[in-house]
């Protein structure tokens, strides 16, 4: 199994970290980092990452999925156009996933126009030129998988990880237990006092 993770300059460190570590370490998935031009990128937190290849070199025949990490670049004119790569993975029914601002790349190429999806907000997607998927937007805090397409707000890296791994056919009770451990901090403690 092989998964391509697209990182851009200023990517959000936390959004794909659990996915990359769990998939590689616990499930034996090969992780390949791609950047727009194959060059090194630096995260929001200052982590320097060397790419394995450029986005243009991504061929869906050699990968089981494509994941686009979020970051501030997606709301600027500097955002790379990943449309042809995204459409190729979509046509080949590979997992296509995006989190936070990365969802903008999916919206921009039209694959969300007829697919249930989520993201940071309906308003941020509605502002994109060419986006026609507003009736399919689902306002929810967890990641959403619709067929082979996975979307999430930047606040949902745990469920994002789970939906991608389930979409790749790697789901199991052990995986669900592992993800539940990471999600425990988000459970409401009824006995805790506020104040």
N, C-alpha and C. Protein backbone atom coordinates (compact mmCIF):
# COMPACT_ATOMS: atom_id res chain seq x y z
N UNK A 1 0.85 -1.17 0.00
CA UNK A 1 0.00 0.00 0.00
C UNK A 1 0.90 1.24 0.00
N UNK A 2 0.50 2.24 -0.78
CA UNK A 2 1.31 3.44 -0.95
C UNK A 2 0.41 4.67 -0.94
N UNK A 3 0.80 5.67 -0.15
CA UNK A 3 -0.01 6.88 0.03
C UNK A 3 0.84 8.11 -0.25
N UNK A 4 0.31 9.01 -1.08
CA UNK A 4 1.00 10.28 -1.38
C UNK A 4 0.42 11.37 -0.50
N UNK A 5 1.29 12.11 0.18
CA UNK A 5 0.88 13.23 1.03
C UNK A 5 1.43 14.51 0.39
N UNK A 6 0.54 15.43 0.02
CA UNK A 6 0.97 16.69 -0.59
C UNK A 6 1.13 17.74 0.50
N UNK A 7 2.33 18.29 0.59
CA UNK A 7 2.64 19.36 1.54
C UNK A 7 3.06 20.60 0.77
N UNK A 8 2.58 21.75 1.22
CA UNK A 8 2.96 23.03 0.62
C UNK A 8 3.74 23.83 1.65
N UNK A 9 4.41 24.85 1.19
CA UNK A 9 5.12 25.74 2.11
C UNK A 9 4.14 26.27 3.15
N UNK A 10 4.51 26.16 4.44
CA UNK A 10 3.66 26.61 5.53
C UNK A 10 2.56 25.64 5.87
N UNK A 11 2.74 24.34 5.53
CA UNK A 11 1.69 23.36 5.83
C UNK A 11 1.46 23.25 7.33
N UNK A 12 0.26 22.83 7.70
CA UNK A 12 -0.13 22.69 9.10
C UNK A 12 0.39 21.35 9.64
N UNK A 13 1.42 21.42 10.46
CA UNK A 13 2.13 20.25 10.96
C UNK A 13 1.22 19.13 11.47
N UNK A 14 0.23 19.49 12.27
CA UNK A 14 -0.59 18.53 13.01
C UNK A 14 -1.62 17.81 12.15
N UNK A 15 -1.94 18.32 10.99
CA UNK A 15 -3.08 17.80 10.25
C UNK A 15 -2.86 16.42 9.63
N UNK A 16 -1.66 16.09 9.25
CA UNK A 16 -1.38 14.78 8.65
C UNK A 16 -0.39 13.96 9.46
N UNK A 17 0.09 14.49 10.58
CA UNK A 17 1.12 13.81 11.37
C UNK A 17 0.67 12.45 11.90
N UNK A 18 -0.51 12.38 12.50
CA UNK A 18 -1.00 11.10 13.03
C UNK A 18 -1.23 10.10 11.90
N UNK A 19 -1.80 10.55 10.80
CA UNK A 19 -2.01 9.68 9.65
C UNK A 19 -0.69 9.08 9.18
N UNK A 20 0.30 9.94 8.97
CA UNK A 20 1.59 9.47 8.44
C UNK A 20 2.25 8.47 9.40
N UNK A 21 2.25 8.79 10.68
CA UNK A 21 2.90 7.92 11.66
C UNK A 21 2.16 6.60 11.82
N UNK A 22 0.84 6.65 11.96
CA UNK A 22 0.07 5.42 12.16
C UNK A 22 0.13 4.53 10.93
N UNK A 23 -0.04 5.12 9.75
CA UNK A 23 -0.03 4.33 8.52
C UNK A 23 1.32 3.66 8.30
N UNK A 24 2.38 4.41 8.49
CA UNK A 24 3.73 3.89 8.24
C UNK A 24 4.16 2.90 9.31
N UNK A 25 4.05 3.29 10.57
CA UNK A 25 4.59 2.50 11.67
C UNK A 25 3.74 1.29 12.00
N UNK A 26 2.43 1.47 12.07
CA UNK A 26 1.56 0.39 12.54
C UNK A 26 0.96 -0.45 11.42
N UNK A 27 0.86 0.13 10.21
CA UNK A 27 0.18 -0.60 9.14
C UNK A 27 1.07 -0.89 7.94
N UNK A 28 2.31 -0.44 7.97
CA UNK A 28 3.26 -0.76 6.91
C UNK A 28 2.99 -0.06 5.58
N UNK A 29 2.28 1.06 5.61
CA UNK A 29 1.98 1.81 4.39
C UNK A 29 3.21 2.64 4.01
N UNK A 30 3.58 2.61 2.74
CA UNK A 30 4.65 3.48 2.25
C UNK A 30 4.09 4.89 2.11
N UNK A 31 4.77 5.85 2.73
CA UNK A 31 4.36 7.25 2.67
C UNK A 31 5.34 8.00 1.78
N UNK A 32 4.82 8.66 0.76
CA UNK A 32 5.63 9.48 -0.14
C UNK A 32 5.16 10.92 -0.02
N UNK A 33 6.07 11.82 0.28
CA UNK A 33 5.75 13.24 0.39
C UNK A 33 5.99 13.90 -0.97
N UNK A 34 4.97 14.60 -1.43
CA UNK A 34 5.07 15.34 -2.69
C UNK A 34 4.87 16.82 -2.41
N UNK A 35 5.62 17.64 -3.12
CA UNK A 35 5.43 19.09 -3.06
C UNK A 35 5.21 19.57 -4.50
N UNK A 36 4.75 20.79 -4.63
CA UNK A 36 4.40 21.32 -5.96
C UNK A 36 5.54 21.15 -6.96
N UNK A 37 6.76 21.42 -6.53
CA UNK A 37 7.90 21.33 -7.45
C UNK A 37 8.95 20.33 -7.00
N UNK A 38 8.63 19.51 -6.01
CA UNK A 38 9.58 18.52 -5.51
C UNK A 38 10.62 19.08 -4.57
N UNK A 39 10.48 20.36 -4.19
CA UNK A 39 11.46 21.02 -3.32
C UNK A 39 11.08 20.83 -1.85
N UNK A 40 12.04 21.10 -1.00
CA UNK A 40 11.83 21.06 0.46
C UNK A 40 10.84 22.16 0.85
N UNK A 41 10.01 21.86 1.88
CA UNK A 41 9.07 22.84 2.40
C UNK A 41 9.23 22.93 3.91
N UNK A 42 8.77 24.04 4.47
CA UNK A 42 8.82 24.26 5.91
C UNK A 42 7.40 24.45 6.43
N UNK A 43 7.09 23.75 7.53
CA UNK A 43 5.75 23.80 8.11
C UNK A 43 5.53 25.10 8.88
N UNK A 44 4.30 25.30 9.34
CA UNK A 44 3.97 26.44 10.19
C UNK A 44 4.85 26.46 11.44
N UNK A 45 5.14 25.28 11.96
CA UNK A 45 5.94 25.16 13.18
C UNK A 45 7.44 25.15 12.95
N UNK A 46 7.88 25.27 11.70
CA UNK A 46 9.31 25.33 11.41
C UNK A 46 9.95 23.99 11.07
N UNK A 47 9.17 22.95 10.86
CA UNK A 47 9.69 21.63 10.50
C UNK A 47 10.04 21.61 9.02
N UNK A 48 11.31 21.33 8.71
CA UNK A 48 11.75 21.23 7.31
C UNK A 48 11.54 19.81 6.82
N UNK A 49 10.88 19.68 5.66
CA UNK A 49 10.57 18.37 5.10
C UNK A 49 11.08 18.30 3.67
N UNK A 50 11.83 17.24 3.38
CA UNK A 50 12.29 16.99 2.02
C UNK A 50 11.25 16.16 1.29
N UNK A 51 10.93 16.55 0.07
CA UNK A 51 9.96 15.81 -0.73
C UNK A 51 10.61 14.60 -1.38
N UNK A 52 9.81 13.57 -1.59
CA UNK A 52 10.25 12.41 -2.35
C UNK A 52 10.07 12.64 -3.85
N UNK A 53 9.07 13.45 -4.20
CA UNK A 53 8.79 13.71 -5.61
C UNK A 53 7.91 14.94 -5.75
N UNK A 54 7.70 15.37 -6.99
CA UNK A 54 6.84 16.53 -7.25
C UNK A 54 5.42 16.04 -7.51
N UNK A 55 4.46 16.93 -7.35
CA UNK A 55 3.06 16.59 -7.60
C UNK A 55 2.87 16.09 -9.03
N UNK A 56 3.56 16.69 -9.98
CA UNK A 56 3.42 16.29 -11.39
C UNK A 56 3.85 14.84 -11.63
N UNK A 57 4.70 14.30 -10.75
CA UNK A 57 5.17 12.93 -10.91
C UNK A 57 4.23 11.90 -10.29
N UNK A 58 3.16 12.36 -9.63
CA UNK A 58 2.23 11.43 -9.00
C UNK A 58 1.35 10.75 -10.05
N UNK A 59 1.41 9.43 -10.08
CA UNK A 59 0.62 8.64 -11.00
C UNK A 59 -0.30 7.75 -10.17
N UNK A 60 -1.62 7.86 -10.34
CA UNK A 60 -2.53 7.06 -9.53
C UNK A 60 -2.30 5.56 -9.66
N UNK A 61 -1.69 5.13 -10.74
CA UNK A 61 -1.43 3.70 -10.91
C UNK A 61 -0.45 3.19 -9.85
N UNK A 62 0.36 4.08 -9.30
CA UNK A 62 1.36 3.67 -8.32
C UNK A 62 1.00 4.00 -6.89
N UNK A 63 -0.20 4.53 -6.66
CA UNK A 63 -0.61 4.94 -5.32
C UNK A 63 -2.03 4.48 -5.03
N UNK A 64 -2.31 4.27 -3.75
CA UNK A 64 -3.64 3.90 -3.31
C UNK A 64 -4.44 5.11 -2.85
N UNK A 65 -3.76 6.23 -2.63
CA UNK A 65 -4.46 7.42 -2.19
C UNK A 65 -3.62 8.67 -2.30
N UNK A 66 -4.31 9.80 -2.31
CA UNK A 66 -3.72 11.13 -2.37
C UNK A 66 -4.30 11.94 -1.22
N UNK A 67 -3.42 12.53 -0.40
CA UNK A 67 -3.85 13.32 0.76
C UNK A 67 -3.27 14.73 0.62
N UNK A 68 -4.12 15.73 0.75
CA UNK A 68 -3.67 17.12 0.65
C UNK A 68 -3.77 17.75 2.03
N UNK A 69 -2.63 18.13 2.57
CA UNK A 69 -2.56 18.75 3.89
C UNK A 69 -2.93 20.23 3.77
N UNK A 70 -3.50 20.76 4.84
CA UNK A 70 -3.89 22.15 4.87
C UNK A 70 -2.74 23.08 5.19
N UNK A 71 -3.06 24.34 5.22
CA UNK A 71 -2.09 25.40 5.50
C UNK A 71 -2.63 26.70 4.93
N UNK A 72 -2.03 27.77 5.33
CA UNK A 72 -2.51 29.10 4.93
C UNK A 72 -2.41 29.35 3.43
N UNK A 73 -1.53 28.67 2.72
CA UNK A 73 -1.33 28.91 1.29
C UNK A 73 -2.60 28.71 0.48
N UNK A 74 -3.50 27.85 0.94
CA UNK A 74 -4.69 27.52 0.17
C UNK A 74 -5.66 28.69 0.04
N UNK A 75 -5.49 29.71 0.84
CA UNK A 75 -6.36 30.88 0.76
C UNK A 75 -5.64 32.07 0.14
N UNK A 76 -4.58 31.78 -0.61
CA UNK A 76 -3.80 32.83 -1.28
C UNK A 76 -3.69 32.53 -2.77
N UNK A 77 -3.15 33.48 -3.50
CA UNK A 77 -2.89 33.28 -4.93
C UNK A 77 -1.68 32.39 -5.17
N UNK A 78 -0.95 32.05 -4.10
CA UNK A 78 0.23 31.18 -4.22
C UNK A 78 -0.13 29.69 -4.19
N UNK A 79 -1.38 29.38 -3.96
CA UNK A 79 -1.81 27.97 -3.89
C UNK A 79 -1.53 27.28 -5.22
N UNK A 80 -0.92 26.10 -5.17
CA UNK A 80 -0.66 25.38 -6.41
C UNK A 80 -1.95 24.83 -7.01
N UNK A 81 -1.99 24.69 -8.31
CA UNK A 81 -3.14 24.10 -9.00
C UNK A 81 -2.89 22.59 -9.09
N UNK A 82 -3.63 21.83 -8.31
CA UNK A 82 -3.47 20.37 -8.27
C UNK A 82 -4.59 19.67 -9.05
N UNK A 83 -5.35 20.43 -9.81
CA UNK A 83 -6.56 19.91 -10.45
C UNK A 83 -6.33 18.65 -11.27
N UNK A 84 -5.32 18.64 -12.14
CA UNK A 84 -5.13 17.47 -13.00
C UNK A 84 -4.75 16.23 -12.18
N UNK A 85 -3.95 16.42 -11.15
CA UNK A 85 -3.56 15.29 -10.30
C UNK A 85 -4.76 14.78 -9.52
N UNK A 86 -5.53 15.68 -8.93
CA UNK A 86 -6.71 15.28 -8.16
C UNK A 86 -7.70 14.54 -9.06
N UNK A 87 -7.96 15.08 -10.23
CA UNK A 87 -8.91 14.44 -11.15
C UNK A 87 -8.43 13.06 -11.59
N UNK A 88 -7.12 12.90 -11.79
CA UNK A 88 -6.58 11.59 -12.18
C UNK A 88 -6.81 10.56 -11.07
N UNK A 89 -6.55 10.94 -9.82
CA UNK A 89 -6.78 10.02 -8.70
C UNK A 89 -8.28 9.72 -8.57
N UNK A 90 -9.11 10.73 -8.75
CA UNK A 90 -10.55 10.55 -8.66
C UNK A 90 -11.06 9.61 -9.76
N UNK A 91 -10.62 9.82 -11.00
CA UNK A 91 -11.03 8.96 -12.11
C UNK A 91 -10.66 7.50 -11.86
N UNK A 92 -9.52 7.30 -11.21
CA UNK A 92 -9.03 5.94 -10.93
C UNK A 92 -9.58 5.38 -9.61
N UNK A 93 -10.53 6.10 -9.01
CA UNK A 93 -11.19 5.66 -7.77
C UNK A 93 -10.20 5.39 -6.64
N UNK A 94 -9.14 6.17 -6.60
CA UNK A 94 -8.20 6.12 -5.48
C UNK A 94 -8.76 7.00 -4.37
N UNK A 95 -8.37 6.76 -3.14
CA UNK A 95 -8.77 7.65 -2.06
C UNK A 95 -8.21 9.03 -2.36
N UNK A 96 -9.07 10.04 -2.28
CA UNK A 96 -8.68 11.44 -2.45
C UNK A 96 -9.13 12.14 -1.19
N UNK A 97 -8.17 12.68 -0.42
CA UNK A 97 -8.49 13.26 0.88
C UNK A 97 -7.85 14.63 1.03
N UNK A 98 -8.57 15.51 1.75
CA UNK A 98 -8.03 16.84 2.03
C UNK A 98 -8.56 17.32 3.36
N UNK A 99 -7.73 18.08 4.06
CA UNK A 99 -8.08 18.62 5.36
C UNK A 99 -7.84 20.12 5.37
N UNK A 100 -8.69 20.84 6.10
CA UNK A 100 -8.54 22.27 6.30
C UNK A 100 -8.54 23.00 4.95
N UNK A 101 -7.59 23.86 4.72
CA UNK A 101 -7.51 24.60 3.47
C UNK A 101 -7.29 23.71 2.26
N UNK A 102 -6.75 22.51 2.47
CA UNK A 102 -6.56 21.58 1.36
C UNK A 102 -7.86 21.21 0.68
N UNK A 103 -8.98 21.30 1.42
CA UNK A 103 -10.29 21.03 0.83
C UNK A 103 -10.56 22.00 -0.31
N UNK A 104 -9.97 23.19 -0.25
CA UNK A 104 -10.14 24.17 -1.33
C UNK A 104 -9.62 23.61 -2.65
N UNK A 105 -8.55 22.83 -2.62
CA UNK A 105 -8.01 22.24 -3.85
C UNK A 105 -9.01 21.28 -4.47
N UNK A 106 -9.72 20.51 -3.63
CA UNK A 106 -10.75 19.60 -4.15
C UNK A 106 -11.93 20.38 -4.71
N UNK A 107 -12.33 21.42 -3.99
CA UNK A 107 -13.45 22.25 -4.43
C UNK A 107 -13.13 22.94 -5.76
N UNK A 108 -11.90 23.43 -5.89
CA UNK A 108 -11.50 24.19 -7.08
C UNK A 108 -11.53 23.34 -8.35
N UNK A 109 -11.31 22.04 -8.22
CA UNK A 109 -11.28 21.20 -9.43
C UNK A 109 -12.63 20.54 -9.70
N UNK A 110 -13.62 20.79 -8.84
CA UNK A 110 -14.98 20.34 -9.12
C UNK A 110 -15.38 18.99 -8.57
N UNK A 111 -14.48 18.26 -7.90
CA UNK A 111 -14.89 16.92 -7.47
C UNK A 111 -15.83 16.93 -6.27
N UNK A 112 -16.01 18.09 -5.62
CA UNK A 112 -16.94 18.17 -4.50
C UNK A 112 -18.33 18.63 -4.94
N UNK A 113 -18.50 18.92 -6.20
CA UNK A 113 -19.78 19.45 -6.67
C UNK A 113 -20.93 18.47 -6.48
N UNK A 114 -20.66 17.17 -6.49
CA UNK A 114 -21.72 16.17 -6.35
C UNK A 114 -21.47 15.17 -5.25
N UNK A 115 -20.59 15.51 -4.30
CA UNK A 115 -20.18 14.58 -3.25
C UNK A 115 -20.39 15.23 -1.88
N UNK A 116 -20.98 14.49 -0.94
CA UNK A 116 -21.07 15.02 0.42
C UNK A 116 -19.66 15.28 0.95
N UNK A 117 -19.50 16.43 1.60
CA UNK A 117 -18.17 16.81 2.08
C UNK A 117 -18.31 17.80 3.24
N UNK A 118 -17.19 18.03 3.91
CA UNK A 118 -17.12 19.02 4.97
C UNK A 118 -15.83 19.82 4.78
N UNK A 119 -15.53 20.68 5.72
CA UNK A 119 -14.32 21.51 5.64
C UNK A 119 -14.34 22.50 6.79
N UNK A 120 -13.55 23.54 6.67
CA UNK A 120 -13.50 24.53 7.75
C UNK A 120 -14.81 25.29 7.89
N UNK A 121 -15.45 25.62 6.77
CA UNK A 121 -16.76 26.28 6.82
C UNK A 121 -17.37 26.30 5.43
N UNK A 122 -18.69 26.33 5.39
CA UNK A 122 -19.40 26.44 4.12
C UNK A 122 -19.07 27.76 3.45
N UNK A 123 -18.91 28.81 4.27
CA UNK A 123 -18.63 30.14 3.72
C UNK A 123 -17.28 30.21 3.01
N UNK A 124 -16.27 29.56 3.58
CA UNK A 124 -14.94 29.61 2.95
C UNK A 124 -14.96 28.91 1.60
N UNK A 125 -15.73 27.84 1.46
CA UNK A 125 -15.82 27.15 0.18
C UNK A 125 -16.70 27.92 -0.80
N UNK A 126 -17.80 28.50 -0.30
CA UNK A 126 -18.71 29.24 -1.17
C UNK A 126 -18.02 30.43 -1.84
N UNK A 127 -16.99 30.95 -1.19
CA UNK A 127 -16.26 32.10 -1.74
C UNK A 127 -15.34 31.72 -2.91
N UNK A 128 -15.14 30.41 -3.14
CA UNK A 128 -14.26 29.97 -4.21
C UNK A 128 -14.94 30.05 -5.57
N UNK A 129 -14.22 30.58 -6.53
CA UNK A 129 -14.75 30.66 -7.88
C UNK A 129 -14.90 29.25 -8.45
N UNK A 130 -16.05 28.96 -9.01
CA UNK A 130 -16.28 27.68 -9.65
C UNK A 130 -16.84 26.59 -8.75
N UNK A 131 -16.85 26.81 -7.44
CA UNK A 131 -17.38 25.79 -6.51
C UNK A 131 -18.89 25.75 -6.60
N UNK A 132 -19.44 24.55 -6.85
CA UNK A 132 -20.89 24.38 -6.95
C UNK A 132 -21.40 23.27 -6.04
N UNK A 133 -20.66 22.98 -4.97
CA UNK A 133 -21.03 21.88 -4.10
C UNK A 133 -21.73 22.26 -2.82
N UNK A 134 -22.22 23.49 -2.73
CA UNK A 134 -22.82 23.97 -1.49
C UNK A 134 -23.93 23.10 -0.94
N UNK A 135 -24.73 22.50 -1.80
CA UNK A 135 -25.84 21.67 -1.31
C UNK A 135 -25.34 20.34 -0.74
N UNK A 136 -24.09 20.02 -0.99
CA UNK A 136 -23.50 18.77 -0.48
C UNK A 136 -22.61 19.01 0.74
N UNK A 137 -22.49 20.26 1.17
CA UNK A 137 -21.66 20.57 2.34
C UNK A 137 -22.37 20.10 3.61
N UNK A 138 -21.62 19.44 4.48
CA UNK A 138 -22.15 18.96 5.76
C UNK A 138 -21.37 19.65 6.88
N UNK A 139 -22.06 20.39 7.70
CA UNK A 139 -21.44 21.12 8.80
C UNK A 139 -21.30 20.17 9.98
N UNK A 140 -20.12 19.59 10.13
CA UNK A 140 -19.89 18.64 11.22
C UNK A 140 -18.45 18.73 11.68
N UNK A 141 -18.18 18.40 12.95
CA UNK A 141 -16.82 18.51 13.47
C UNK A 141 -15.90 17.36 13.05
N UNK A 142 -16.46 16.21 12.67
CA UNK A 142 -15.63 15.06 12.29
C UNK A 142 -15.39 15.05 10.78
N UNK A 143 -14.35 14.31 10.38
CA UNK A 143 -14.09 14.10 8.96
C UNK A 143 -15.26 13.35 8.34
N UNK A 144 -15.40 13.46 7.04
CA UNK A 144 -16.49 12.82 6.31
C UNK A 144 -15.91 12.06 5.13
N UNK A 145 -16.31 10.78 5.01
CA UNK A 145 -15.92 9.98 3.84
C UNK A 145 -17.17 9.71 3.03
N UNK A 146 -17.10 10.04 1.76
CA UNK A 146 -18.19 9.81 0.82
C UNK A 146 -17.59 9.06 -0.37
N UNK A 147 -17.80 7.76 -0.42
CA UNK A 147 -17.13 6.95 -1.43
C UNK A 147 -15.65 6.95 -1.16
N UNK A 148 -14.88 7.36 -2.14
CA UNK A 148 -13.41 7.40 -1.98
C UNK A 148 -12.89 8.80 -1.65
N UNK A 149 -13.80 9.77 -1.39
CA UNK A 149 -13.41 11.14 -1.09
C UNK A 149 -13.55 11.40 0.41
N UNK A 150 -12.48 11.91 1.02
CA UNK A 150 -12.47 12.22 2.45
C UNK A 150 -12.15 13.70 2.63
N UNK A 151 -12.96 14.38 3.46
CA UNK A 151 -12.72 15.79 3.75
C UNK A 151 -12.82 16.02 5.26
N UNK A 152 -12.14 17.07 5.72
CA UNK A 152 -12.17 17.38 7.16
C UNK A 152 -11.80 18.83 7.39
N UNK A 153 -12.32 19.36 8.50
CA UNK A 153 -11.86 20.66 8.99
C UNK A 153 -10.48 20.47 9.61
N UNK A 154 -9.75 21.52 9.76
CA UNK A 154 -8.42 21.45 10.35
C UNK A 154 -8.41 20.99 11.80
N UNK A 155 -9.57 21.02 12.44
CA UNK A 155 -9.69 20.60 13.83
C UNK A 155 -9.99 19.11 13.97
N UNK A 156 -9.97 18.36 12.88
CA UNK A 156 -10.37 16.95 12.91
C UNK A 156 -9.31 15.99 12.39
N UNK A 157 -8.04 16.13 12.80
CA UNK A 157 -7.01 15.23 12.25
C UNK A 157 -7.17 13.77 12.68
N UNK A 158 -7.84 13.51 13.81
CA UNK A 158 -7.99 12.13 14.27
C UNK A 158 -9.02 11.40 13.42
N UNK A 159 -10.20 11.98 13.25
CA UNK A 159 -11.20 11.32 12.42
C UNK A 159 -10.77 11.32 10.95
N UNK A 160 -10.01 12.32 10.53
CA UNK A 160 -9.45 12.36 9.17
C UNK A 160 -8.56 11.13 8.96
N UNK A 161 -7.69 10.85 9.91
CA UNK A 161 -6.84 9.66 9.84
C UNK A 161 -7.69 8.40 9.72
N UNK A 162 -8.68 8.28 10.59
CA UNK A 162 -9.53 7.11 10.58
C UNK A 162 -10.27 6.91 9.28
N UNK A 163 -10.86 7.97 8.74
CA UNK A 163 -11.63 7.84 7.50
C UNK A 163 -10.73 7.47 6.32
N UNK A 164 -9.52 8.00 6.28
CA UNK A 164 -8.60 7.64 5.19
C UNK A 164 -8.22 6.17 5.31
N UNK A 165 -7.84 5.74 6.50
CA UNK A 165 -7.41 4.35 6.66
C UNK A 165 -8.56 3.38 6.40
N UNK A 166 -9.76 3.72 6.83
CA UNK A 166 -10.92 2.89 6.50
C UNK A 166 -11.16 2.89 4.99
N UNK A 167 -11.02 4.05 4.36
CA UNK A 167 -11.20 4.15 2.91
C UNK A 167 -10.19 3.33 2.13
N UNK A 168 -9.02 3.12 2.71
CA UNK A 168 -7.98 2.29 2.08
C UNK A 168 -8.19 0.80 2.36
N UNK A 169 -9.24 0.49 3.15
CA UNK A 169 -9.50 -0.90 3.49
C UNK A 169 -8.68 -1.40 4.65
N UNK A 170 -8.13 -0.49 5.44
CA UNK A 170 -7.26 -0.86 6.56
C UNK A 170 -7.97 -0.74 7.90
N UNK A 171 -9.28 -0.61 7.88
CA UNK A 171 -10.03 -0.49 9.12
C UNK A 171 -10.03 -1.79 9.90
N UNK A 172 -10.10 -1.65 11.21
CA UNK A 172 -10.15 -2.82 12.10
C UNK A 172 -10.58 -2.33 13.48
N UNK A 173 -11.03 -3.25 14.33
CA UNK A 173 -11.33 -2.85 15.71
C UNK A 173 -10.09 -2.28 16.42
N UNK A 174 -8.92 -2.81 16.10
CA UNK A 174 -7.68 -2.30 16.70
C UNK A 174 -7.44 -0.85 16.28
N UNK A 175 -7.66 -0.56 15.00
CA UNK A 175 -7.49 0.81 14.52
C UNK A 175 -8.48 1.74 15.22
N UNK A 176 -9.73 1.31 15.31
CA UNK A 176 -10.74 2.14 15.98
C UNK A 176 -10.36 2.41 17.43
N UNK A 177 -9.81 1.39 18.11
CA UNK A 177 -9.37 1.57 19.50
C UNK A 177 -8.21 2.54 19.59
N UNK A 178 -7.27 2.44 18.65
CA UNK A 178 -6.11 3.33 18.59
C UNK A 178 -6.56 4.78 18.41
N UNK A 179 -7.49 5.00 17.47
CA UNK A 179 -7.97 6.35 17.22
C UNK A 179 -8.79 6.88 18.39
N UNK A 180 -9.52 6.01 19.06
CA UNK A 180 -10.29 6.42 20.23
C UNK A 180 -9.37 6.92 21.34
N UNK A 181 -8.20 6.30 21.47
CA UNK A 181 -7.22 6.77 22.47
C UNK A 181 -6.84 8.23 22.21
N UNK A 182 -6.61 8.55 20.93
CA UNK A 182 -6.22 9.91 20.58
C UNK A 182 -7.38 10.89 20.72
N UNK A 183 -8.60 10.40 20.63
CA UNK A 183 -9.76 11.27 20.73
C UNK A 183 -10.28 11.46 22.14
N UNK A 184 -9.71 10.75 23.11
CA UNK A 184 -10.23 10.82 24.48
C UNK A 184 -10.22 12.23 25.05
N UNK A 185 -9.25 13.03 24.69
CA UNK A 185 -9.19 14.39 25.25
C UNK A 185 -10.36 15.25 24.80
N UNK A 186 -11.06 14.82 23.76
CA UNK A 186 -12.19 15.60 23.25
C UNK A 186 -13.53 15.16 23.84
N UNK A 187 -13.51 14.14 24.69
CA UNK A 187 -14.73 13.70 25.33
C UNK A 187 -15.08 14.66 26.47
N UNK A 188 -16.35 14.92 26.60
CA UNK A 188 -16.80 15.83 27.65
C UNK A 188 -16.80 15.08 28.98
N UNK A 189 -16.18 15.71 29.96
CA UNK A 189 -16.14 15.14 31.32
C UNK A 189 -17.27 15.79 32.09
N UNK A 190 -18.35 15.03 32.27
CA UNK A 190 -19.54 15.56 32.93
C UNK A 190 -19.27 15.99 34.38
N UNK A 191 -18.31 15.33 35.04
CA UNK A 191 -18.08 15.63 36.45
C UNK A 191 -17.09 16.79 36.67
N UNK A 192 -16.44 17.22 35.61
CA UNK A 192 -15.48 18.30 35.75
C UNK A 192 -16.21 19.63 35.96
N UNK A 193 -15.69 20.41 36.84
CA UNK A 193 -16.30 21.72 37.08
C UNK A 193 -15.67 22.74 36.15
N UNK A 194 -16.45 23.66 35.73
CA UNK A 194 -15.97 24.72 34.85
C UNK A 194 -15.83 25.98 35.69
N UNK A 195 -14.69 26.56 35.60
CA UNK A 195 -14.66 27.79 36.30
C UNK A 195 -13.43 28.21 36.89
